[in-house]
Amino acid sequence: MKGNEKIKKKLLESIRSVEKPDREILDFLQNYNGDDEMIKGAKAFLEDKNWDFSLLQSTIKNLPDIEVPKKNKLSFLMKVAAILIFVLGTVLFLCSKSSNHAQVIEEGLPVFMGEYSTTYNEFMNEYRLANYENAISIGSMIKQKSDTLNFYMGCSYIYSGNYNQAIEQLNRINKSEHFEESKNFQLAYAYFKIGRTNEALKFIEKIKKSTNQKYTSAVQELLKNLD
């Protein structure tokens, strides 16, 4: 909790200044999955704006001050926090209307009891039920890793908003014909979500060379957001 408050203070101070935030703030935001409304608002805004922090700074500075009772004089930093909380719902809605609908949810594999370990079956069941955080927790306990596990673990990280962990997990996949194109798209999406557009474009170019049309519309949506 204290760590969150320290980061929040640094985040608000960065918004007030004209300087770029340090790497610690961006890493924290990209991997944040907590319930703090202010942090969620900042993360949602930056995800939608391709992690351009200057847009967050200018947007906040151009917003009118929030009306508050005279007895409750808010500092500039507190006003910024209040604004971020206020616009959270709108930002999340706009995000869902833009880059998020480029997301592709990969269908889980059937579970055949008796042919795989009980833990693997539990992992895949949780994945298929869209309980991605539970799937990650279970999958992390499986000692025998495979391309299949790494792929669906990577997808679980993406769908729960942990893009850096997703990239790390997906990059563990060996050159597998079965997962190659799906891995390339999910990596492109994850890189896009953390603002690393050059890396995202490299994987998009690989997908565009494929004759498979599975990701065509999703790639087009990603490219629209990269313009």
Protein backbone atom coordinates (compact mmCIF):
# COMPACT_ATOMS: atom_id res chain seq x y z
CA MET A 1 0.00 0.00 0.00
CA LYS A 2 2.81 2.44 0.90
CA GLY A 3 4.49 1.63 -2.40
CA ASN A 4 1.30 2.53 -4.26
CA GLU A 5 1.06 5.87 -2.48
CA LYS A 6 4.69 6.66 -3.33
CA ILE A 7 4.11 5.86 -7.00
CA LYS A 8 0.85 7.84 -7.03
CA LYS A 9 2.67 10.89 -5.71
CA LYS A 10 5.41 10.55 -8.33
CA LEU A 11 2.77 10.04 -11.04
CA LEU A 12 0.88 13.18 -10.05
CA GLU A 13 4.09 15.20 -9.87
CA SER A 14 5.04 13.97 -13.36
CA ILE A 15 1.66 15.05 -14.71
CA ARG A 16 2.18 18.51 -13.24
CA SER A 17 5.64 18.88 -14.77
CA VAL A 18 6.63 18.94 -18.43
CA GLU A 19 9.17 16.18 -17.99
CA LYS A 20 8.78 12.56 -19.01
CA PRO A 21 8.07 10.17 -16.14
CA ASP A 22 10.82 7.82 -15.06
CA ARG A 23 10.77 4.16 -16.10
CA GLU A 24 9.60 3.08 -12.64
CA ILE A 25 6.26 4.87 -13.07
CA LEU A 26 5.58 3.46 -16.53
CA ASP A 27 6.53 -0.08 -15.49
CA PHE A 28 4.25 0.21 -12.48
CA LEU A 29 1.31 1.43 -14.56
CA GLN A 30 1.77 -1.18 -17.29
CA ASN A 31 1.65 -4.01 -14.76
CA TYR A 32 -0.94 -2.56 -12.38
CA ASN A 33 -3.99 -4.73 -11.65
CA GLY A 34 -5.18 -3.24 -8.39
CA ASP A 35 -8.35 -1.37 -7.47
CA ASP A 36 -7.07 2.19 -7.06
CA GLU A 37 -9.38 4.29 -9.25
CA MET A 38 -6.84 7.02 -9.90
CA ILE A 39 -4.14 4.63 -11.06
CA LYS A 40 -6.65 2.67 -13.16
CA GLY A 41 -7.75 5.93 -14.80
CA ALA A 42 -4.18 6.90 -15.69
CA LYS A 43 -3.41 3.40 -17.03
CA ALA A 44 -6.56 3.25 -19.14
CA PHE A 45 -5.88 6.68 -20.65
CA LEU A 46 -2.27 5.84 -21.50
CA GLU A 47 -3.16 2.46 -23.00
CA ASP A 48 -5.64 4.17 -25.29
CA LYS A 49 -3.08 6.85 -26.26
CA ASN A 50 -0.25 4.42 -27.03
CA TRP A 51 1.55 5.38 -23.79
CA ASP A 52 2.15 8.97 -24.87
CA PHE A 53 2.53 10.57 -21.45
CA SER A 54 2.59 14.09 -22.89
CA LEU A 55 -1.03 13.62 -23.96
CA LEU A 56 -2.01 12.80 -20.40
CA GLN A 57 -0.16 15.89 -19.16
CA SER A 58 -1.79 18.21 -21.69
CA THR A 59 -5.25 16.70 -21.25
CA ILE A 60 -5.19 17.14 -17.48
CA LYS A 61 -3.87 20.69 -17.73
CA ASN A 62 -6.58 21.67 -20.23
CA LEU A 63 -9.44 20.31 -18.13
CA PRO A 64 -11.37 22.81 -16.01
CA ASP A 65 -10.88 22.67 -12.28
CA ILE A 66 -13.31 20.50 -10.36
CA GLU A 67 -15.72 22.49 -8.22
CA VAL A 68 -15.14 21.77 -4.55
CA PRO A 69 -16.54 23.26 -1.35
CA LYS A 70 -14.61 26.28 -0.11
CA LYS A 71 -13.97 24.53 3.17
CA ASN A 72 -12.20 21.76 1.29
CA LYS A 73 -9.39 23.46 -0.61
CA LEU A 74 -7.75 20.82 -2.80
CA SER A 75 -4.15 21.12 -3.85
CA PHE A 76 -3.29 20.84 -7.53
CA LEU A 77 -2.20 17.24 -7.06
CA MET A 78 -5.46 16.30 -5.35
CA LYS A 79 -7.43 17.94 -8.15
CA VAL A 80 -5.53 15.90 -10.71
CA ALA A 81 -6.31 12.74 -8.78
CA ALA A 82 -9.97 13.68 -8.61
CA ILE A 83 -10.08 14.39 -12.35
CA LEU A 84 -8.52 11.01 -13.17
CA ILE A 85 -11.09 9.24 -11.03
CA PHE A 86 -13.90 11.26 -12.59
CA VAL A 87 -12.92 10.44 -16.18
CA LEU A 88 -12.11 6.77 -15.51
CA GLY A 89 -15.45 5.45 -16.74
CA THR A 90 -15.31 7.51 -19.92
CA VAL A 91 -11.72 6.53 -20.64
CA LEU A 92 -12.42 2.84 -20.16
CA PHE A 93 -15.40 3.11 -22.50
CA LEU A 94 -13.29 4.83 -25.16
CA CYS A 95 -10.58 2.22 -24.77
CA SER A 96 -13.06 -0.55 -25.39
CA LYS A 97 -14.24 1.24 -28.51
CA SER A 98 -10.73 1.60 -29.92
CA SER A 99 -7.73 -0.67 -29.41
CA ASN A 100 -9.40 -3.28 -27.23
CA HIS A 101 -11.67 -4.54 -29.98
CA ALA A 102 -8.52 -5.48 -31.90
CA GLN A 103 -7.93 -8.10 -29.26
CA VAL A 104 -8.36 -11.74 -30.24
CA ILE A 105 -9.35 -14.22 -27.55
CA GLU A 106 -7.70 -17.53 -28.32
CA GLU A 107 -9.95 -20.52 -27.81
CA GLY A 108 -8.73 -22.94 -25.17
CA LEU A 109 -8.03 -26.58 -25.89
CA PRO A 110 -10.37 -29.42 -24.90
CA VAL A 111 -9.54 -31.16 -21.66
CA PHE A 112 -9.25 -34.92 -21.82
CA MET A 113 -9.22 -36.30 -18.31
CA GLY A 114 -6.57 -38.94 -17.78
CA GLU A 115 -4.37 -37.95 -20.73
CA TYR A 116 -2.78 -34.94 -19.06
CA SER A 117 -1.83 -34.02 -15.53
CA THR A 118 -4.60 -32.94 -13.20
CA THR A 119 -2.90 -29.57 -12.77
CA TYR A 120 -2.82 -28.98 -16.50
CA ASN A 121 -6.52 -29.85 -16.76
CA GLU A 122 -7.29 -27.39 -13.98
CA PHE A 123 -5.25 -24.73 -15.75
CA MET A 124 -7.04 -25.20 -19.07
CA ASN A 125 -10.45 -25.32 -17.40
CA GLU A 126 -9.80 -21.97 -15.73
CA TYR A 127 -8.55 -20.53 -19.02
CA ARG A 128 -11.63 -21.70 -20.92
CA LEU A 129 -13.83 -20.14 -18.22
CA ALA A 130 -11.95 -16.84 -18.70
CA ASN A 131 -10.64 -17.00 -15.13
CA TYR A 132 -7.25 -15.86 -16.34
CA GLU A 133 -5.70 -14.92 -13.02
CA ASN A 134 -6.61 -18.35 -11.63
CA ALA A 135 -5.17 -19.94 -14.76
CA ILE A 136 -1.90 -18.06 -14.27
CA SER A 137 -1.70 -19.14 -10.65
CA ILE A 138 -2.25 -22.79 -11.56
CA GLY A 139 -0.05 -22.72 -14.66
CA SER A 140 2.84 -21.30 -12.67
CA MET A 141 2.87 -24.47 -10.57
CA ILE A 142 3.35 -26.77 -13.58
CA LYS A 143 7.02 -27.70 -13.68
CA GLN A 144 7.03 -29.35 -17.11
CA LYS A 145 6.71 -26.42 -19.51
CA SER A 146 5.61 -26.78 -23.11
CA ASP A 147 4.80 -24.53 -26.06
CA THR A 148 1.12 -25.11 -25.35
CA LEU A 149 1.43 -24.04 -21.73
CA ASN A 150 3.63 -21.05 -22.57
CA PHE A 151 1.17 -19.88 -25.23
CA TYR A 152 -1.94 -20.05 -23.07
CA MET A 153 -0.08 -18.61 -20.09
CA GLY A 154 1.00 -15.73 -22.33
CA CYS A 155 -2.59 -15.20 -23.46
CA SER A 156 -3.79 -15.30 -19.86
CA TYR A 157 -1.32 -12.56 -18.97
CA ILE A 158 -2.55 -10.44 -21.90
CA TYR A 159 -6.22 -10.85 -21.04
CA SER A 160 -5.51 -9.88 -17.43
CA GLY A 161 -3.53 -6.81 -18.51
CA ASN A 162 -0.03 -8.04 -17.66
CA TYR A 163 1.59 -7.27 -20.99
CA ASN A 164 5.25 -7.42 -19.98
CA GLN A 165 4.80 -10.86 -18.42
CA ALA A 166 2.87 -11.95 -21.51
CA ILE A 167 5.77 -10.97 -23.77
CA GLU A 168 8.23 -12.85 -21.59
CA GLN A 169 6.02 -15.95 -21.59
CA LEU A 170 5.26 -15.92 -25.32
CA ASN A 171 8.93 -15.51 -26.18
CA ARG A 172 9.61 -18.82 -24.45
CA ILE A 173 7.75 -20.64 -27.21
CA ASN A 174 10.07 -22.54 -29.52
CA LYS A 175 9.54 -22.14 -33.25
CA SER A 176 6.25 -24.01 -33.42
CA GLU A 177 4.22 -24.13 -36.61
CA HIS A 178 1.06 -24.66 -34.59
CA PHE A 179 1.46 -21.50 -32.48
CA GLU A 180 3.66 -19.31 -34.70
CA GLU A 181 1.03 -17.01 -36.20
CA SER A 182 -1.05 -16.81 -33.03
CA LYS A 183 2.08 -16.06 -31.02
CA ASN A 184 3.08 -13.33 -33.50
CA PHE A 185 -0.30 -11.63 -33.21
CA GLN A 186 -0.47 -11.80 -29.43
CA LEU A 187 3.07 -10.42 -29.20
CA ALA A 188 2.14 -7.59 -31.59
CA TYR A 189 -0.87 -6.78 -29.44
CA ALA A 190 1.11 -6.89 -26.19
CA TYR A 191 3.88 -4.66 -27.57
CA PHE A 192 1.25 -2.25 -28.87
CA LYS A 193 -0.40 -2.04 -25.46
CA ILE A 194 2.85 -1.00 -23.75
CA GLY A 195 3.70 1.53 -26.46
CA ARG A 196 6.55 -0.36 -28.15
CA THR A 197 5.20 0.19 -31.65
CA ASN A 198 8.35 -0.74 -33.56
CA GLU A 199 8.32 -4.22 -32.05
CA ALA A 200 4.57 -4.50 -32.68
CA LEU A 201 5.05 -3.65 -36.35
CA LYS A 202 7.72 -6.32 -36.78
CA PHE A 203 5.27 -9.01 -35.73
CA ILE A 204 2.45 -7.48 -37.76
CA GLU A 205 4.63 -7.71 -40.88
CA LYS A 206 5.13 -11.41 -40.21
CA ILE A 207 1.37 -11.93 -39.92
CA LYS A 208 0.65 -10.01 -43.13
CA LYS A 209 2.79 -12.47 -45.07
CA SER A 210 0.59 -15.36 -43.99
CA THR A 211 -2.26 -16.69 -46.12
CA ASN A 212 -4.30 -17.34 -42.97
CA GLN A 213 -7.05 -14.73 -42.58
CA LYS A 214 -7.73 -15.31 -38.87
CA TYR A 215 -6.08 -12.10 -37.73
CA THR A 216 -6.72 -9.85 -40.74
CA SER A 217 -9.40 -7.62 -39.23
CA ALA A 218 -7.64 -7.45 -35.86
CA VAL A 219 -4.38 -6.43 -37.53
CA GLN A 220 -6.22 -3.71 -39.46
CA GLU A 221 -7.61 -2.35 -36.20
CA LEU A 222 -4.17 -2.35 -34.61
CA LEU A 223 -2.74 -0.48 -37.59
CA LYS A 224 -5.48 2.15 -37.31
CA ASN A 225 -4.40 2.80 -33.73
CA LEU A 226 -0.74 2.96 -34.74
CA ASP A 227 -1.37 5.75 -37.25
